[in-house]
N, C-alpha and C. Protein backbone atom coordinates (compact mmCIF):
# COMPACT_ATOMS: atom_id res chain seq x y z
N MET A 1 -139.05 -104.91 -43.35
CA MET A 1 -140.60 -104.17 -44.53
C MET A 1 -138.33 -102.66 -44.40
N TYR A 2 -139.18 -101.58 -44.93
CA TYR A 2 -137.96 -100.34 -45.68
C TYR A 2 -139.03 -100.15 -45.95
N VAL A 3 -137.54 -98.52 -46.49
CA VAL A 3 -139.40 -97.36 -46.81
C VAL A 3 -138.19 -96.78 -46.88
N VAL A 4 -137.82 -95.00 -48.12
CA VAL A 4 -137.34 -95.55 -48.52
C VAL A 4 -138.32 -93.81 -49.09
N MET A 5 -137.76 -92.22 -48.79
CA MET A 5 -139.01 -91.64 -49.34
C MET A 5 -137.43 -90.26 -49.55
N ASN A 6 -137.87 -89.80 -50.66
CA ASN A 6 -136.61 -88.92 -51.24
C ASN A 6 -137.66 -88.11 -51.74
N GLU A 7 -136.95 -86.76 -50.69
CA GLU A 7 -137.89 -85.21 -50.83
C GLU A 7 -137.01 -84.09 -52.05
N LEU A 8 -137.87 -84.18 -53.09
CA LEU A 8 -137.34 -83.48 -53.84
C LEU A 8 -137.02 -82.26 -53.49
N HIS A 9 -136.59 -81.41 -53.89
CA HIS A 9 -136.50 -79.72 -53.77
C HIS A 9 -136.63 -78.97 -55.25
N VAL A 10 -138.09 -78.86 -55.88
CA VAL A 10 -138.56 -78.31 -57.57
C VAL A 10 -139.24 -76.43 -56.87
N PRO A 11 -138.26 -75.99 -58.09
CA PRO A 11 -138.64 -75.04 -57.96
C PRO A 11 -141.11 -74.80 -58.64
N LYS A 12 -141.36 -74.48 -58.38
CA LYS A 12 -142.64 -73.70 -58.69
C LYS A 12 -142.94 -74.35 -60.45
N GLU A 13 -142.48 -73.78 -60.90
CA GLU A 13 -143.49 -73.63 -62.41
C GLU A 13 -142.54 -75.15 -62.75
N ALA A 14 -141.17 -75.94 -61.66
CA ALA A 14 -141.31 -77.15 -62.66
C ALA A 14 -142.22 -78.28 -62.22
N LYS A 15 -143.00 -78.30 -61.11
CA LYS A 15 -143.38 -79.08 -60.27
C LYS A 15 -144.95 -80.03 -61.41
N GLU A 16 -145.26 -78.86 -62.67
CA GLU A 16 -145.55 -80.43 -62.68
C GLU A 16 -145.37 -80.87 -64.29
N HIS A 17 -143.61 -80.80 -64.25
CA HIS A 17 -143.33 -81.83 -65.64
C HIS A 17 -143.26 -83.07 -64.75
N LEU A 18 -142.97 -82.71 -63.47
CA LEU A 18 -142.22 -84.04 -62.80
C LEU A 18 -143.32 -83.93 -62.09
N SER A 19 -144.15 -83.82 -61.42
CA SER A 19 -145.60 -85.13 -61.40
C SER A 19 -146.35 -86.08 -62.37
N GLY A 20 -145.94 -85.15 -63.84
CA GLY A 20 -145.59 -86.14 -65.06
C GLY A 20 -144.73 -87.42 -65.75
N ARG A 21 -143.69 -86.76 -65.08
CA ARG A 21 -142.91 -87.81 -65.25
C ARG A 21 -143.21 -88.51 -64.33
N PHE A 22 -143.51 -88.58 -62.79
CA PHE A 22 -143.53 -90.01 -61.69
C PHE A 22 -144.59 -90.56 -61.84
N GLY A 23 -145.49 -89.67 -63.07
CA GLY A 23 -147.39 -91.02 -62.60
C GLY A 23 -146.47 -91.87 -63.64
N LYS A 24 -146.51 -91.23 -64.43
CA LYS A 24 -145.55 -92.32 -65.43
C LYS A 24 -144.80 -94.18 -64.81
N ALA A 25 -143.86 -93.30 -63.46
CA ALA A 25 -143.72 -93.95 -63.45
C ALA A 25 -143.98 -94.84 -62.04
N ALA A 26 -145.14 -94.33 -61.83
CA ALA A 26 -145.65 -94.81 -60.77
C ALA A 26 -146.32 -96.56 -61.43
N ASP A 27 -146.70 -96.55 -62.62
CA ASP A 27 -147.40 -97.80 -63.06
C ASP A 27 -146.24 -98.45 -63.16
N ASN A 28 -145.43 -97.67 -63.46
CA ASN A 28 -143.49 -99.24 -63.55
C ASN A 28 -142.94 -100.05 -63.05
N MET A 29 -143.24 -98.65 -61.34
CA MET A 29 -143.12 -99.32 -59.75
C MET A 29 -144.24 -100.99 -59.58
N LYS A 30 -145.11 -100.88 -59.89
CA LYS A 30 -145.99 -102.48 -59.69
C LYS A 30 -144.87 -103.12 -60.20
N LYS A 31 -144.12 -103.28 -61.33
CA LYS A 31 -143.57 -104.59 -61.38
C LYS A 31 -142.33 -105.00 -61.33
N VAL A 32 -141.75 -104.20 -60.26
CA VAL A 32 -140.55 -103.60 -59.56
C VAL A 32 -140.95 -104.71 -58.63
N PRO A 33 -140.14 -106.27 -58.32
CA PRO A 33 -139.57 -107.05 -57.56
C PRO A 33 -140.01 -106.82 -55.99
N GLY A 34 -139.98 -106.66 -54.96
CA GLY A 34 -140.47 -106.36 -53.64
C GLY A 34 -140.64 -105.13 -53.00
N CYS A 35 -140.55 -104.03 -54.45
CA CYS A 35 -141.86 -103.32 -54.01
C CYS A 35 -143.27 -102.96 -53.49
N LEU A 36 -143.25 -102.82 -52.50
CA LEU A 36 -144.74 -102.89 -51.60
C LEU A 36 -145.73 -101.59 -51.93
N GLU A 37 -145.17 -100.48 -52.56
CA GLU A 37 -145.74 -99.14 -52.11
C GLU A 37 -145.01 -98.01 -53.14
N PHE A 38 -145.60 -97.39 -53.93
CA PHE A 38 -145.52 -95.94 -54.03
C PHE A 38 -145.72 -94.45 -53.99
N MET A 39 -145.02 -93.99 -53.46
CA MET A 39 -146.43 -92.17 -53.93
C MET A 39 -145.72 -91.84 -54.06
N PHE A 40 -146.46 -90.62 -55.13
CA PHE A 40 -145.15 -88.89 -55.28
C PHE A 40 -146.29 -88.41 -54.14
N LEU A 41 -145.45 -87.31 -53.44
CA LEU A 41 -146.33 -86.09 -52.81
C LEU A 41 -146.62 -85.35 -52.65
N ASN A 42 -147.38 -84.59 -52.63
CA ASN A 42 -147.56 -82.56 -53.25
C ASN A 42 -146.98 -82.38 -51.47
N ASN A 43 -146.31 -81.92 -51.57
CA ASN A 43 -145.98 -80.77 -50.01
C ASN A 43 -147.56 -79.57 -50.34
N GLU A 44 -148.59 -79.79 -48.75
CA GLU A 44 -149.50 -78.79 -48.77
C GLU A 44 -148.64 -77.42 -48.54
N ASN A 45 -147.88 -77.50 -47.31
CA ASN A 45 -146.94 -76.58 -46.88
C ASN A 45 -145.85 -76.33 -48.01
N GLU A 46 -145.53 -76.09 -49.01
CA GLU A 46 -144.21 -75.45 -48.63
C GLU A 46 -144.31 -75.68 -50.69
N ASP A 47 -143.85 -75.27 -51.72
CA ASP A 47 -144.08 -74.73 -52.34
C ASP A 47 -143.37 -76.12 -52.84
N GLY A 48 -141.44 -75.92 -52.58
CA GLY A 48 -140.95 -76.35 -52.87
C GLY A 48 -140.87 -78.11 -53.28
N LYS A 49 -141.08 -78.02 -52.64
CA LYS A 49 -141.36 -79.87 -52.26
C LYS A 49 -141.93 -80.59 -52.46
N GLN A 50 -141.47 -81.69 -53.31
CA GLN A 50 -142.31 -83.04 -53.22
C GLN A 50 -141.60 -84.48 -53.00
N VAL A 51 -142.26 -85.64 -52.31
CA VAL A 51 -141.19 -86.39 -52.33
C VAL A 51 -141.70 -87.71 -52.88
N VAL A 52 -140.76 -88.83 -53.71
CA VAL A 52 -140.81 -90.33 -53.45
C VAL A 52 -141.11 -89.96 -52.46
N PHE A 53 -142.18 -91.67 -52.13
CA PHE A 53 -142.28 -92.56 -51.36
C PHE A 53 -142.29 -94.35 -51.87
N THR A 54 -141.33 -94.65 -51.09
CA THR A 54 -141.47 -96.22 -52.01
C THR A 54 -141.00 -97.51 -50.45
N LYS A 55 -142.14 -97.88 -50.32
CA LYS A 55 -141.25 -98.99 -49.41
C LYS A 55 -141.83 -100.68 -49.98
N TRP A 56 -140.65 -100.70 -49.44
CA TRP A 56 -139.32 -102.75 -50.32
C TRP A 56 -140.49 -103.91 -48.96
N GLU A 57 -140.41 -105.03 -49.72
CA GLU A 57 -140.19 -106.01 -48.77
C GLU A 57 -138.84 -105.38 -47.94
N SER A 58 -138.16 -105.18 -48.00
CA SER A 58 -136.89 -105.25 -47.79
C SER A 58 -135.51 -104.52 -48.07
N LYS A 59 -134.78 -104.34 -47.09
CA LYS A 59 -133.44 -103.49 -48.16
C LYS A 59 -132.58 -104.02 -48.49
N ALA A 60 -132.14 -105.42 -48.78
CA ALA A 60 -132.45 -106.09 -50.70
C ALA A 60 -132.96 -105.68 -51.18
N ASP A 61 -134.16 -105.37 -51.60
CA ASP A 61 -135.44 -105.67 -52.40
C ASP A 61 -134.92 -104.45 -53.33
N TYR A 62 -135.14 -103.20 -52.74
CA TYR A 62 -134.38 -101.68 -52.13
C TYR A 62 -132.76 -101.76 -53.12
N GLU A 63 -132.60 -101.96 -52.54
CA GLU A 63 -131.11 -102.12 -53.44
C GLU A 63 -131.00 -102.65 -54.87
N ASN A 64 -131.52 -104.68 -54.87
CA ASN A 64 -131.50 -104.48 -56.50
C ASN A 64 -132.70 -103.81 -57.51
N TRP A 65 -133.26 -103.40 -56.77
CA TRP A 65 -133.43 -102.09 -57.61
C TRP A 65 -132.60 -100.82 -58.56
N LEU A 66 -132.46 -100.53 -57.31
CA LEU A 66 -131.10 -99.73 -58.08
C LEU A 66 -130.49 -99.91 -58.53
N HIS A 67 -130.23 -101.18 -58.92
CA HIS A 67 -128.89 -101.91 -60.09
C HIS A 67 -129.94 -102.42 -60.83
N SER A 68 -130.96 -101.93 -61.08
CA SER A 68 -131.86 -102.70 -61.99
C SER A 68 -132.19 -102.47 -63.63
N ASP A 69 -131.58 -103.24 -64.59
CA ASP A 69 -132.02 -101.69 -66.13
C ASP A 69 -133.71 -101.22 -65.61
N ALA A 70 -134.26 -101.27 -64.51
CA ALA A 70 -135.51 -100.50 -63.87
C ALA A 70 -135.12 -99.43 -63.58
N PHE A 71 -134.71 -99.13 -63.44
CA PHE A 71 -133.77 -98.33 -62.56
C PHE A 71 -133.87 -97.17 -63.82
N LYS A 72 -132.20 -98.04 -64.36
CA LYS A 72 -131.46 -97.65 -65.38
C LYS A 72 -132.96 -96.46 -66.57
N ARG A 73 -133.48 -97.09 -66.34
CA ARG A 73 -134.74 -97.06 -67.83
C ARG A 73 -135.51 -95.39 -67.35
N ALA A 74 -135.64 -95.54 -65.33
CA ALA A 74 -136.67 -95.14 -65.17
C ALA A 74 -135.34 -93.04 -65.12
N HIS A 75 -134.65 -93.85 -65.11
CA HIS A 75 -133.64 -92.40 -64.81
C HIS A 75 -132.51 -91.95 -65.85
N GLN A 76 -133.43 -92.58 -67.18
CA GLN A 76 -132.81 -92.35 -68.66
C GLN A 76 -132.97 -90.74 -69.00
N GLU A 77 -134.41 -90.28 -68.81
CA GLU A 77 -134.49 -89.12 -69.14
C GLU A 77 -133.50 -88.30 -68.58
N LYS A 78 -133.38 -88.44 -67.29
CA LYS A 78 -132.82 -86.99 -66.40
C LYS A 78 -131.13 -87.37 -67.25
N ARG A 79 -130.39 -88.05 -67.56
CA ARG A 79 -129.13 -88.26 -68.44
C ARG A 79 -128.93 -88.14 -69.28
N GLU A 80 -129.94 -88.52 -69.75
CA GLU A 80 -129.82 -88.46 -71.54
C GLU A 80 -130.56 -87.19 -71.32
N SER A 81 -130.75 -85.96 -70.68
CA SER A 81 -131.29 -84.68 -71.09
C SER A 81 -130.19 -83.84 -70.95
N LYS A 82 -129.37 -82.96 -71.47
CA LYS A 82 -128.61 -82.14 -71.27
C LYS A 82 -129.07 -80.74 -70.83
N GLU A 83 -129.99 -80.41 -70.54
CA GLU A 83 -130.46 -79.58 -69.09
C GLU A 83 -130.17 -80.32 -67.53
N LYS A 84 -130.40 -79.34 -67.36
CA LYS A 84 -130.64 -79.82 -65.82
C LYS A 84 -132.00 -80.62 -65.15
N GLY A 85 -131.87 -80.95 -64.28
CA GLY A 85 -133.09 -81.74 -64.39
C GLY A 85 -134.21 -80.72 -63.61
N PRO A 86 -135.44 -80.92 -63.64
CA PRO A 86 -136.35 -80.05 -63.06
C PRO A 86 -136.14 -79.82 -61.26
N ALA A 87 -135.92 -80.99 -60.22
CA ALA A 87 -134.98 -80.55 -59.00
C ALA A 87 -134.24 -80.16 -58.87
N THR A 88 -133.82 -79.22 -57.94
CA THR A 88 -132.72 -78.16 -57.78
C THR A 88 -131.76 -79.29 -56.89
N GLY A 89 -132.65 -80.19 -55.92
CA GLY A 89 -131.44 -80.45 -55.33
C GLY A 89 -132.83 -81.74 -54.49
N ASN A 90 -132.69 -82.59 -53.27
CA ASN A 90 -132.57 -83.71 -52.59
C ASN A 90 -132.42 -83.93 -52.35
N GLU A 91 -132.56 -84.95 -50.50
CA GLU A 91 -132.96 -85.50 -49.63
C GLU A 91 -133.61 -86.61 -48.67
N LEU A 92 -132.39 -87.57 -49.29
CA LEU A 92 -132.70 -88.87 -49.77
C LEU A 92 -132.76 -89.39 -48.11
N ASN A 93 -134.06 -89.92 -47.63
CA ASN A 93 -133.42 -90.45 -46.47
C ASN A 93 -134.28 -92.76 -46.36
N ALA A 94 -133.57 -92.91 -45.05
CA ALA A 94 -133.86 -94.18 -45.31
C ALA A 94 -134.44 -94.98 -44.27
N TYR A 95 -135.12 -96.32 -43.85
CA TYR A 95 -136.16 -95.89 -42.90
C TYR A 95 -135.50 -97.82 -43.93
N THR A 96 -135.33 -98.19 -41.53
CA THR A 96 -136.26 -99.37 -42.02
C THR A 96 -137.59 -99.88 -40.87
N VAL A 97 -137.70 -99.97 -41.21
CA VAL A 97 -139.72 -100.32 -40.42
C VAL A 97 -139.29 -101.67 -39.33
N LEU A 98 -139.70 -101.05 -37.96
CA LEU A 98 -139.86 -101.85 -36.73
C LEU A 98 -140.61 -101.81 -36.51
N TYR A 99 -142.08 -100.72 -36.83
CA TYR A 99 -143.22 -101.67 -36.19
C TYR A 99 -144.35 -100.93 -36.70
N HIS A 100 -145.19 -101.98 -37.69
CA HIS A 100 -146.16 -101.80 -38.99
C HIS A 100 -147.61 -102.10 -38.42
N SER A 101 -148.34 -101.09 -38.63
CA SER A 101 -149.68 -101.63 -37.88
C SER A 101 -150.93 -101.01 -38.78
N LYS A 102 -152.09 -102.17 -39.27
CA LYS A 102 -152.82 -101.29 -40.46
C LYS A 102 -153.80 -101.63 -39.54
N PRO A 103 -155.44 -101.02 -40.25
CA PRO A 103 -156.32 -100.74 -39.64
C PRO A 103 -156.95 -102.66 -40.39
N THR A 104 -158.27 -103.63 -39.24
CA THR A 104 -158.59 -103.88 -39.50
C THR A 104 -159.77 -104.04 -40.38
N GLY A 105 -159.35 -104.88 -41.66
CA GLY A 105 -159.62 -104.75 -42.97
C GLY A 105 -158.90 -104.84 -43.93
N GLU A 106 -158.15 -104.65 -44.35
CA GLU A 106 -156.85 -103.83 -44.87
C GLU A 106 -155.73 -104.85 -44.98
């Protein structure tokens, strides 16, 4: 299993717009091969941070998505916009899952 977390640095006034964009992305991610989970997280303690959390069957599945038409479509709005995107920066972190446990019944 492979996990990718993209921490976005977002001005307070842009958080609602970005949340709306990722709300649309959540449904699209259900169709991406190998994507096990997609979450868009709002930091409770810091106004300027939101996180895109994705869980994948494998690193290869994540990389396939990065090079897919689905990824290009998901990021098309940002590429086509003449304005700077709502995020002022980001930090991407990827992890290979060594141990994973779920509560009984899930």
